[in-house]
Amino acid sequence: MIAKTCRTCKFQRHDIAEYKIGCINPIVVSGDSEALARSGVYSCFLERSKTWFAACGKAGKLWEPIDGS
């Protein structure tokens, strides 16, 4: 069983300048007006820290493997 981390998800985008991983999953991003207005990237840290009623949350409900992995 593979660990469902943001780094191994096909929706992750790594921001080298800020050393952060962002999420571009349309379901996750649709809940954040700031992400929609800017680049369409939501913080993986903020999403995975949610426990109740989160689109992806700690369980990684929307996690999908990177193609070819």
N, C-alpha and C. Protein backbone atom coordinates (compact mmCIF):
# COMPACT_ATOMS: atom_id res chain seq x y z
N MET A 1 0.84 -1.19 0.00
CA MET A 1 0.00 0.00 0.00
C MET A 1 0.89 1.25 0.00
N ILE A 2 0.61 2.15 -0.89
CA ILE A 2 1.40 3.38 -1.00
C ILE A 2 0.83 4.45 -0.06
N ALA A 3 1.71 5.23 0.53
CA ALA A 3 1.28 6.31 1.42
C ALA A 3 0.65 7.42 0.58
N LYS A 4 -0.48 7.93 1.00
CA LYS A 4 -1.18 8.99 0.27
C LYS A 4 -0.66 10.36 0.71
N THR A 5 0.50 10.72 0.20
CA THR A 5 1.08 12.03 0.54
C THR A 5 0.87 12.98 -0.63
N CYS A 6 0.89 14.26 -0.34
CA CYS A 6 0.72 15.27 -1.40
C CYS A 6 1.84 15.17 -2.43
N ARG A 7 3.03 14.81 -2.00
CA ARG A 7 4.16 14.72 -2.92
C ARG A 7 3.96 13.61 -3.97
N THR A 8 3.20 12.57 -3.64
CA THR A 8 2.97 11.48 -4.58
C THR A 8 1.63 11.57 -5.29
N CYS A 9 0.95 12.70 -5.19
CA CYS A 9 -0.36 12.90 -5.80
C CYS A 9 -0.21 13.61 -7.15
N LYS A 10 -1.04 13.23 -8.12
CA LYS A 10 -0.93 13.84 -9.44
C LYS A 10 -1.40 15.29 -9.45
N PHE A 11 -2.09 15.75 -8.44
CA PHE A 11 -2.58 17.12 -8.37
C PHE A 11 -1.62 18.08 -7.67
N GLN A 12 -0.44 17.62 -7.28
CA GLN A 12 0.51 18.48 -6.56
C GLN A 12 1.32 19.33 -7.52
N ARG A 13 1.65 20.52 -7.07
CA ARG A 13 2.57 21.41 -7.78
C ARG A 13 3.56 21.93 -6.78
N HIS A 14 4.84 21.68 -7.04
CA HIS A 14 5.90 22.08 -6.11
C HIS A 14 6.36 23.50 -6.45
N ASP A 15 6.32 24.40 -5.48
CA ASP A 15 6.78 25.77 -5.66
C ASP A 15 8.20 25.86 -5.11
N ILE A 16 9.17 25.87 -6.01
CA ILE A 16 10.57 25.87 -5.60
C ILE A 16 10.94 27.13 -4.83
N ALA A 17 10.35 28.27 -5.21
CA ALA A 17 10.69 29.53 -4.56
C ALA A 17 10.27 29.55 -3.09
N GLU A 18 9.17 28.90 -2.76
CA GLU A 18 8.67 28.93 -1.38
C GLU A 18 8.84 27.61 -0.65
N TYR A 19 9.38 26.60 -1.31
CA TYR A 19 9.56 25.28 -0.71
C TYR A 19 8.25 24.72 -0.17
N LYS A 20 7.20 24.89 -0.92
CA LYS A 20 5.88 24.40 -0.51
C LYS A 20 5.28 23.57 -1.63
N ILE A 21 4.38 22.68 -1.26
CA ILE A 21 3.65 21.90 -2.24
C ILE A 21 2.23 22.44 -2.30
N GLY A 22 1.74 22.66 -3.49
CA GLY A 22 0.39 23.17 -3.68
C GLY A 22 -0.49 22.13 -4.35
N CYS A 23 -1.79 22.29 -4.20
CA CYS A 23 -2.77 21.37 -4.77
C CYS A 23 -3.55 22.09 -5.86
N ILE A 24 -3.70 21.44 -7.03
CA ILE A 24 -4.48 22.03 -8.11
C ILE A 24 -5.74 21.20 -8.39
N ASN A 25 -6.13 20.34 -7.47
CA ASN A 25 -7.34 19.56 -7.64
C ASN A 25 -8.53 20.53 -7.73
N PRO A 26 -9.34 20.45 -8.79
CA PRO A 26 -10.45 21.39 -8.95
C PRO A 26 -11.44 21.40 -7.79
N ILE A 27 -11.65 20.27 -7.15
CA ILE A 27 -12.59 20.20 -6.03
C ILE A 27 -12.03 20.93 -4.82
N VAL A 28 -10.75 20.77 -4.55
CA VAL A 28 -10.10 21.44 -3.42
C VAL A 28 -10.02 22.94 -3.67
N VAL A 29 -9.60 23.33 -4.86
CA VAL A 29 -9.40 24.74 -5.19
C VAL A 29 -10.72 25.50 -5.23
N SER A 30 -11.81 24.84 -5.60
CA SER A 30 -13.10 25.52 -5.72
C SER A 30 -13.61 26.08 -4.40
N GLY A 31 -13.10 25.56 -3.28
CA GLY A 31 -13.52 26.04 -1.98
C GLY A 31 -12.72 27.22 -1.47
N ASP A 32 -11.71 27.67 -2.22
CA ASP A 32 -10.85 28.76 -1.77
C ASP A 32 -10.89 29.90 -2.79
N SER A 33 -11.52 31.00 -2.43
CA SER A 33 -11.67 32.13 -3.36
C SER A 33 -10.32 32.75 -3.71
N GLU A 34 -9.37 32.74 -2.78
CA GLU A 34 -8.06 33.32 -3.05
C GLU A 34 -7.30 32.50 -4.10
N ALA A 35 -7.40 31.18 -4.01
CA ALA A 35 -6.74 30.32 -5.00
C ALA A 35 -7.38 30.48 -6.37
N LEU A 36 -8.69 30.64 -6.40
CA LEU A 36 -9.37 30.84 -7.68
C LEU A 36 -8.99 32.16 -8.32
N ALA A 37 -8.81 33.19 -7.52
CA ALA A 37 -8.50 34.53 -8.04
C ALA A 37 -7.05 34.64 -8.50
N ARG A 38 -6.17 33.86 -7.94
CA ARG A 38 -4.74 33.97 -8.28
C ARG A 38 -4.34 32.87 -9.23
N SER A 39 -3.55 31.96 -8.78
CA SER A 39 -2.96 30.95 -9.65
C SER A 39 -3.72 29.63 -9.70
N GLY A 40 -4.72 29.48 -8.88
CA GLY A 40 -5.45 28.22 -8.85
C GLY A 40 -4.73 27.13 -8.08
N VAL A 41 -3.84 27.51 -7.16
CA VAL A 41 -3.09 26.55 -6.36
C VAL A 41 -3.45 26.76 -4.89
N TYR A 42 -3.79 25.69 -4.20
CA TYR A 42 -4.16 25.73 -2.79
C TYR A 42 -3.08 25.01 -1.99
N SER A 43 -2.80 25.46 -0.80
CA SER A 43 -1.77 24.87 0.04
C SER A 43 -2.13 23.45 0.47
N CYS A 44 -1.24 22.51 0.19
CA CYS A 44 -1.45 21.13 0.64
C CYS A 44 -1.46 21.04 2.16
N PHE A 45 -0.62 21.83 2.79
CA PHE A 45 -0.55 21.82 4.26
C PHE A 45 -1.91 22.20 4.85
N LEU A 46 -2.53 23.25 4.33
CA LEU A 46 -3.82 23.68 4.86
C LEU A 46 -4.90 22.63 4.62
N GLU A 47 -4.91 22.04 3.45
CA GLU A 47 -5.93 21.04 3.14
C GLU A 47 -5.76 19.78 3.97
N ARG A 48 -4.54 19.29 4.09
CA ARG A 48 -4.32 18.04 4.82
C ARG A 48 -4.44 18.21 6.33
N SER A 49 -4.41 19.46 6.82
CA SER A 49 -4.57 19.68 8.25
C SER A 49 -6.04 19.67 8.67
N LYS A 50 -6.95 19.71 7.71
CA LYS A 50 -8.38 19.67 8.03
C LYS A 50 -8.80 18.25 8.36
N THR A 51 -9.67 18.12 9.35
CA THR A 51 -10.13 16.79 9.73
C THR A 51 -11.62 16.58 9.45
N TRP A 52 -12.43 17.59 9.60
CA TRP A 52 -13.87 17.45 9.43
C TRP A 52 -14.33 18.14 8.15
N PHE A 53 -15.10 17.42 7.36
CA PHE A 53 -15.76 17.96 6.16
C PHE A 53 -14.79 18.58 5.16
N ALA A 54 -13.62 18.06 5.05
CA ALA A 54 -12.63 18.55 4.08
C ALA A 54 -12.78 17.79 2.77
N ALA A 55 -12.48 18.46 1.66
CA ALA A 55 -12.56 17.80 0.35
C ALA A 55 -11.58 16.62 0.28
N CYS A 56 -10.34 16.84 0.68
CA CYS A 56 -9.33 15.78 0.68
C CYS A 56 -8.96 15.40 2.11
N GLY A 57 -8.53 16.39 2.89
CA GLY A 57 -8.28 16.19 4.31
C GLY A 57 -7.15 15.24 4.65
N LYS A 58 -7.08 14.87 5.93
CA LYS A 58 -6.02 13.98 6.41
C LYS A 58 -6.04 12.62 5.73
N ALA A 59 -7.20 12.15 5.38
CA ALA A 59 -7.31 10.82 4.77
C ALA A 59 -6.85 10.80 3.32
N GLY A 60 -6.72 11.95 2.69
CA GLY A 60 -6.31 11.99 1.29
C GLY A 60 -7.39 11.43 0.38
N LYS A 61 -8.64 11.80 0.62
CA LYS A 61 -9.77 11.22 -0.10
C LYS A 61 -9.72 11.45 -1.61
N LEU A 62 -9.10 12.54 -2.07
CA LEU A 62 -9.03 12.85 -3.50
C LEU A 62 -7.67 12.50 -4.11
N TRP A 63 -6.84 11.82 -3.36
CA TRP A 63 -5.49 11.47 -3.82
C TRP A 63 -5.55 10.53 -5.01
N GLU A 64 -4.74 10.80 -6.03
CA GLU A 64 -4.59 9.91 -7.18
C GLU A 64 -3.10 9.78 -7.48
N PRO A 65 -2.65 8.60 -7.89
CA PRO A 65 -1.22 8.43 -8.17
C PRO A 65 -0.80 9.23 -9.39
N ILE A 66 0.47 9.62 -9.42
CA ILE A 66 1.03 10.29 -10.58
C ILE A 66 1.03 9.30 -11.73
N ASP A 67 0.63 9.74 -12.93
CA ASP A 67 0.58 8.86 -14.10
C ASP A 67 1.94 8.24 -14.35
N GLY A 68 1.94 6.95 -14.61
CA GLY A 68 3.18 6.24 -14.87
C GLY A 68 3.85 5.70 -13.63
N SER A 69 3.24 5.89 -12.46
CA SER A 69 3.84 5.40 -11.22
C SER A 69 3.11 4.15 -10.74
